[in-house]
Amino acid sequence: MRYFPKVIGTFRYEQGAKDFLTLKALTSTAAKMGITAFDALFSLFLGQFALGAE
């Protein structure tokens, strides 16, 4: 695991940045579909979220 020094407003680890961007992409896409970020994440954790599913 690659370590990044602590700097205000950044991430310590590369994986943390990747995880954040994954969730940001999910919530942004959901918002464009008229779904709130909370509802998108809640259904994701329940295993019921699928983008583009009709």
PDB file of N, CA and C in Angstrom:
ATOM      1  N   MET A   1       0.854  -1.168   0.000  1.00  0.00           N
ATOM      2  CA  MET A   1       0.000   0.000   0.000  1.00  0.00           C
ATOM      3  C   MET A   1       0.901   1.232   0.000  1.00  0.00           C
ATOM      4  N   ARG A   2       0.602   2.142  -0.859  1.00  0.00           N
ATOM      5  CA  ARG A   2       1.391   3.364  -0.969  1.00  0.00           C
ATOM      6  C   ARG A   2       0.887   4.404   0.016  1.00  0.00           C
ATOM      7  N   TYR A   3       1.771   5.003   0.760  1.00  0.00           N
ATOM      8  CA  TYR A   3       1.406   6.002   1.766  1.00  0.00           C
ATOM      9  C   TYR A   3       1.565   7.404   1.206  1.00  0.00           C
ATOM     10  N   PHE A   4       0.557   8.226   1.440  1.00  0.00           N
ATOM     11  CA  PHE A   4       0.607   9.628   1.060  1.00  0.00           C
ATOM     12  C   PHE A   4       0.653  10.450   2.342  1.00  0.00           C
ATOM     13  N   PRO A   5       1.552  11.403   2.435  1.00  0.00           N
ATOM     14  CA  PRO A   5       1.624  12.213   3.668  1.00  0.00           C
ATOM     15  C   PRO A   5       0.324  12.969   3.907  1.00  0.00           C
ATOM     16  N   LYS A   6       0.039  13.219   5.181  1.00  0.00           N
ATOM     17  CA  LYS A   6      -1.198  13.909   5.528  1.00  0.00           C
ATOM     18  C   LYS A   6      -1.109  15.388   5.139  1.00  0.00           C
ATOM     19  N   VAL A   7      -2.041  15.790   4.300  1.00  0.00           N
ATOM     20  CA  VAL A   7      -2.141  17.171   3.869  1.00  0.00           C
ATOM     21  C   VAL A   7      -3.627  17.513   3.921  1.00  0.00           C
ATOM     22  N   ILE A   8      -3.962  18.667   4.445  1.00  0.00           N
ATOM     23  CA  ILE A   8      -5.359  19.058   4.577  1.00  0.00           C
ATOM     24  C   ILE A   8      -6.017  19.075   3.196  1.00  0.00           C
ATOM     25  N   GLY A   9      -7.181  18.417   3.100  1.00  0.00           N
ATOM     26  CA  GLY A   9      -7.941  18.414   1.857  1.00  0.00           C
ATOM     27  C   GLY A   9      -7.530  17.337   0.880  1.00  0.00           C
ATOM     28  N   THR A  10      -6.682  16.415   1.306  1.00  0.00           N
ATOM     29  CA  THR A  10      -6.269  15.327   0.416  1.00  0.00           C
ATOM     30  C   THR A  10      -6.474  13.986   1.108  1.00  0.00           C
ATOM     31  N   PHE A  11      -6.062  12.918   0.446  1.00  0.00           N
ATOM     32  CA  PHE A  11      -6.213  11.576   0.991  1.00  0.00           C
ATOM     33  C   PHE A  11      -4.862  11.023   1.406  1.00  0.00           C
ATOM     34  N   ARG A  12      -4.848  10.186   2.415  1.00  0.00           N
ATOM     35  CA  ARG A  12      -3.604   9.581   2.877  1.00  0.00           C
ATOM     36  C   ARG A  12      -3.201   8.405   1.992  1.00  0.00           C
ATOM     37  N   TYR A  13      -4.168   7.681   1.497  1.00  0.00           N
ATOM     38  CA  TYR A  13      -3.873   6.492   0.705  1.00  0.00           C
ATOM     39  C   TYR A  13      -4.547   6.589  -0.654  1.00  0.00           C
ATOM     40  N   GLU A  14      -3.907   6.038  -1.644  1.00  0.00           N
ATOM     41  CA  GLU A  14      -4.445   6.049  -3.001  1.00  0.00           C
ATOM     42  C   GLU A  14      -5.794   5.326  -3.056  1.00  0.00           C
ATOM     43  N   GLN A  15      -5.934   4.223  -2.315  1.00  0.00           N
ATOM     44  CA  GLN A  15      -7.193   3.472  -2.321  1.00  0.00           C
ATOM     45  C   GLN A  15      -8.332   4.309  -1.755  1.00  0.00           C
ATOM     46  N   GLY A  16      -8.061   5.138  -0.761  1.00  0.00           N
ATOM     47  CA  GLY A  16      -9.088   6.017  -0.208  1.00  0.00           C
ATOM     48  C   GLY A  16      -9.595   7.003  -1.246  1.00  0.00           C
ATOM     49  N   ALA A  17      -8.683   7.534  -2.048  1.00  0.00           N
ATOM     50  CA  ALA A  17      -9.073   8.453  -3.114  1.00  0.00           C
ATOM     51  C   ALA A  17      -9.913   7.735  -4.163  1.00  0.00           C
ATOM     52  N   LYS A  18      -9.517   6.507  -4.515  1.00  0.00           N
ATOM     53  CA  LYS A  18     -10.276   5.726  -5.503  1.00  0.00           C
ATOM     54  C   LYS A  18     -11.675   5.402  -4.984  1.00  0.00           C
ATOM     55  N   ASP A  19     -11.770   5.027  -3.715  1.00  0.00           N
ATOM     56  CA  ASP A  19     -13.079   4.716  -3.121  1.00  0.00           C
ATOM     57  C   ASP A  19     -13.982   5.942  -3.113  1.00  0.00           C
ATOM     58  N   PHE A  20     -13.416   7.093  -2.749  1.00  0.00           N
ATOM     59  CA  PHE A  20     -14.185   8.330  -2.743  1.00  0.00           C
ATOM     60  C   PHE A  20     -14.720   8.652  -4.136  1.00  0.00           C
ATOM     61  N   LEU A  21     -13.851   8.536  -5.148  1.00  0.00           N
ATOM     62  CA  LEU A  21     -14.264   8.861  -6.509  1.00  0.00           C
ATOM     63  C   LEU A  21     -15.314   7.888  -7.033  1.00  0.00           C
ATOM     64  N   THR A  22     -15.239   6.625  -6.620  1.00  0.00           N
ATOM     65  CA  THR A  22     -16.253   5.653  -7.015  1.00  0.00           C
ATOM     66  C   THR A  22     -17.618   6.058  -6.455  1.00  0.00           C
ATOM     67  N   LEU A  23     -17.655   6.402  -5.171  1.00  0.00           N
ATOM     68  CA  LEU A  23     -18.915   6.822  -4.552  1.00  0.00           C
ATOM     69  C   LEU A  23     -19.407   8.144  -5.126  1.00  0.00           C
ATOM     70  N   LYS A  24     -18.482   9.059  -5.430  1.00  0.00           N
ATOM     71  CA  LYS A  24     -18.861  10.344  -6.017  1.00  0.00           C
ATOM     72  C   LYS A  24     -19.479  10.141  -7.399  1.00  0.00           C
ATOM     73  N   ALA A  25     -18.899   9.246  -8.190  1.00  0.00           N
ATOM     74  CA  ALA A  25     -19.448   8.953  -9.518  1.00  0.00           C
ATOM     75  C   ALA A  25     -20.836   8.334  -9.395  1.00  0.00           C
ATOM     76  N   LEU A  26     -21.009   7.433  -8.439  1.00  0.00           N
ATOM     77  CA  LEU A  26     -22.300   6.781  -8.233  1.00  0.00           C
ATOM     78  C   LEU A  26     -23.370   7.798  -7.845  1.00  0.00           C
ATOM     79  N   THR A  27     -23.051   8.661  -6.873  1.00  0.00           N
ATOM     80  CA  THR A  27     -24.047   9.626  -6.411  1.00  0.00           C
ATOM     81  C   THR A  27     -24.326  10.699  -7.465  1.00  0.00           C
ATOM     82  N   SER A  28     -23.317  11.079  -8.232  1.00  0.00           N
ATOM     83  CA  SER A  28     -23.525  12.070  -9.299  1.00  0.00           C
ATOM     84  C   SER A  28     -24.418  11.513 -10.396  1.00  0.00           C
ATOM     85  N   THR A  29     -24.172  10.275 -10.775  1.00  0.00           N
ATOM     86  CA  THR A  29     -24.996   9.638 -11.800  1.00  0.00           C
ATOM     87  C   THR A  29     -26.424   9.468 -11.298  1.00  0.00           C
ATOM     88  N   ALA A  30     -26.574   9.066 -10.047  1.00  0.00           N
ATOM     89  CA  ALA A  30     -27.911   8.907  -9.470  1.00  0.00           C
ATOM     90  C   ALA A  30     -28.653  10.244  -9.472  1.00  0.00           C
ATOM     91  N   ALA A  31     -27.947  11.323  -9.129  1.00  0.00           N
ATOM     92  CA  ALA A  31     -28.583  12.651  -9.104  1.00  0.00           C
ATOM     93  C   ALA A  31     -29.086  13.030 -10.493  1.00  0.00           C
ATOM     94  N   LYS A  32     -28.336  12.699 -11.520  1.00  0.00           N
ATOM     95  CA  LYS A  32     -28.764  12.991 -12.893  1.00  0.00           C
ATOM     96  C   LYS A  32     -30.000  12.194 -13.283  1.00  0.00           C
ATOM     97  N   MET A  33     -30.205  11.066 -12.581  1.00  0.00           N
ATOM     98  CA  MET A  33     -31.374  10.228 -12.827  1.00  0.00           C
ATOM     99  C   MET A  33     -32.531  10.578 -11.898  1.00  0.00           C
ATOM    100  N   GLY A  34     -32.359  11.624 -11.064  1.00  0.00           N
ATOM    101  CA  GLY A  34     -33.414  12.050 -10.153  1.00  0.00           C
ATOM    102  C   GLY A  34     -33.477  11.265  -8.863  1.00  0.00           C
ATOM    103  N   ILE A  35     -32.399  10.591  -8.506  1.00  0.00           N
ATOM    104  CA  ILE A  35     -32.330   9.797  -7.278  1.00  0.00           C
ATOM    105  C   ILE A  35     -31.440  10.549  -6.290  1.00  0.00           C
ATOM    106  N   THR A  36     -31.870  10.679  -5.037  1.00  0.00           N
ATOM    107  CA  THR A  36     -31.040  11.368  -4.049  1.00  0.00           C
ATOM    108  C   THR A  36     -29.817  10.520  -3.713  1.00  0.00           C
ATOM    109  N   ALA A  37     -28.763  11.180  -3.261  1.00  0.00           N
ATOM    110  CA  ALA A  37     -27.537  10.479  -2.883  1.00  0.00           C
ATOM    111  C   ALA A  37     -27.826   9.475  -1.764  1.00  0.00           C
ATOM    112  N   PHE A  38     -28.646   9.889  -0.793  1.00  0.00           N
ATOM    113  CA  PHE A  38     -28.978   8.987   0.313  1.00  0.00           C
ATOM    114  C   PHE A  38     -29.676   7.738  -0.198  1.00  0.00           C
ATOM    115  N   ASP A  39     -30.685   7.911  -1.061  1.00  0.00           N
ATOM    116  CA  ASP A  39     -31.418   6.759  -1.592  1.00  0.00           C
ATOM    117  C   ASP A  39     -30.509   5.856  -2.416  1.00  0.00           C
ATOM    118  N   ALA A  40     -29.606   6.446  -3.187  1.00  0.00           N
ATOM    119  CA  ALA A  40     -28.687   5.653  -3.999  1.00  0.00           C
ATOM    120  C   ALA A  40     -27.765   4.814  -3.124  1.00  0.00           C
ATOM    121  N   LEU A  41     -27.182   5.438  -2.106  1.00  0.00           N
ATOM    122  CA  LEU A  41     -26.273   4.701  -1.224  1.00  0.00           C
ATOM    123  C   LEU A  41     -27.020   3.680  -0.370  1.00  0.00           C
ATOM    124  N   PHE A  42     -28.199   4.036   0.088  1.00  0.00           N
ATOM    125  CA  PHE A  42     -28.994   3.107   0.897  1.00  0.00           C
ATOM    126  C   PHE A  42     -29.354   1.860   0.096  1.00  0.00           C
ATOM    127  N   SER A  43     -29.818   2.045  -1.137  1.00  0.00           N
ATOM    128  CA  SER A  43     -30.167   0.883  -1.958  1.00  0.00           C
ATOM    129  C   SER A  43     -28.923   0.098  -2.366  1.00  0.00           C
ATOM    130  N   LEU A  44     -27.783   0.782  -2.518  1.00  0.00           N
ATOM    131  CA  LEU A  44     -26.532   0.082  -2.820  1.00  0.00           C
ATOM    132  C   LEU A  44     -26.168  -0.857  -1.675  1.00  0.00           C
ATOM    133  N   PHE A  45     -26.265  -0.366  -0.449  1.00  0.00           N
ATOM    134  CA  PHE A  45     -25.932  -1.188   0.711  1.00  0.00           C
ATOM    135  C   PHE A  45     -26.919  -2.333   0.904  1.00  0.00           C
ATOM    136  N   LEU A  46     -28.151  -2.158   0.429  1.00  0.00           N
ATOM    137  CA  LEU A  46     -29.123  -3.244   0.494  1.00  0.00           C
ATOM    138  C   LEU A  46     -28.954  -4.234  -0.655  1.00  0.00           C
ATOM    139  N   GLY A  47     -28.092  -3.875  -1.624  1.00  0.00           N
ATOM    140  CA  GLY A  47     -27.865  -4.744  -2.776  1.00  0.00           C
ATOM    141  C   GLY A  47     -28.946  -4.635  -3.822  1.00  0.00           C
ATOM    142  N   GLN A  48     -29.670  -3.506  -3.844  1.00  0.00           N
ATOM    143  CA  GLN A  48     -30.795  -3.336  -4.761  1.00  0.00           C
ATOM    144  C   GLN A  48     -30.563  -2.256  -5.804  1.00  0.00           C
ATOM    145  N   PHE A  49     -29.375  -1.673  -5.840  1.00  0.00           N
ATOM    146  CA  PHE A  49     -29.128  -0.549  -6.732  1.00  0.00           C
ATOM    147  C   PHE A  49     -28.501  -1.027  -8.039  1.00  0.00           C
ATOM    148  N   ALA A  50     -29.095  -0.612  -9.153  1.00  0.00           N
ATOM    149  CA  ALA A  50     -28.534  -0.931 -10.465  1.00  0.00           C
ATOM    150  C   ALA A  50     -28.797   0.251 -11.390  1.00  0.00           C
ATOM    151  N   LEU A  51     -27.749   0.905 -11.837  1.00  0.00           N
ATOM    152  CA  LEU A  51     -27.903   2.034 -12.752  1.00  0.00           C
ATOM    153  C   LEU A  51     -28.382   1.534 -14.103  1.00  0.00           C
ATOM    154  N   GLY A  52     -29.312   2.245 -14.671  1.00  0.00           N
ATOM    155  CA  GLY A  52     -29.797   1.911 -15.999  1.00  0.00           C
ATOM    156  C   GLY A  52     -30.818   0.779 -16.023  1.00  0.00           C
ATOM    157  N   ALA A  53     -31.131   0.232 -14.854  1.00  0.00           N
ATOM    158  CA  ALA A  53     -32.114  -0.848 -14.797  1.00  0.00           C
ATOM    159  C   ALA A  53     -33.513  -0.259 -14.911  1.00  0.00           C
ATOM    160  N   GLU A  54     -34.322  -0.863 -15.679  1.00  0.00           N
ATOM    161  CA  GLU A  54     -35.704  -0.424 -15.849  1.00  0.00           C
ATOM    162  C   GLU A  54     -36.628  -1.307 -15.052  1.00  0.00           C
TER     163      GLU A  54
END
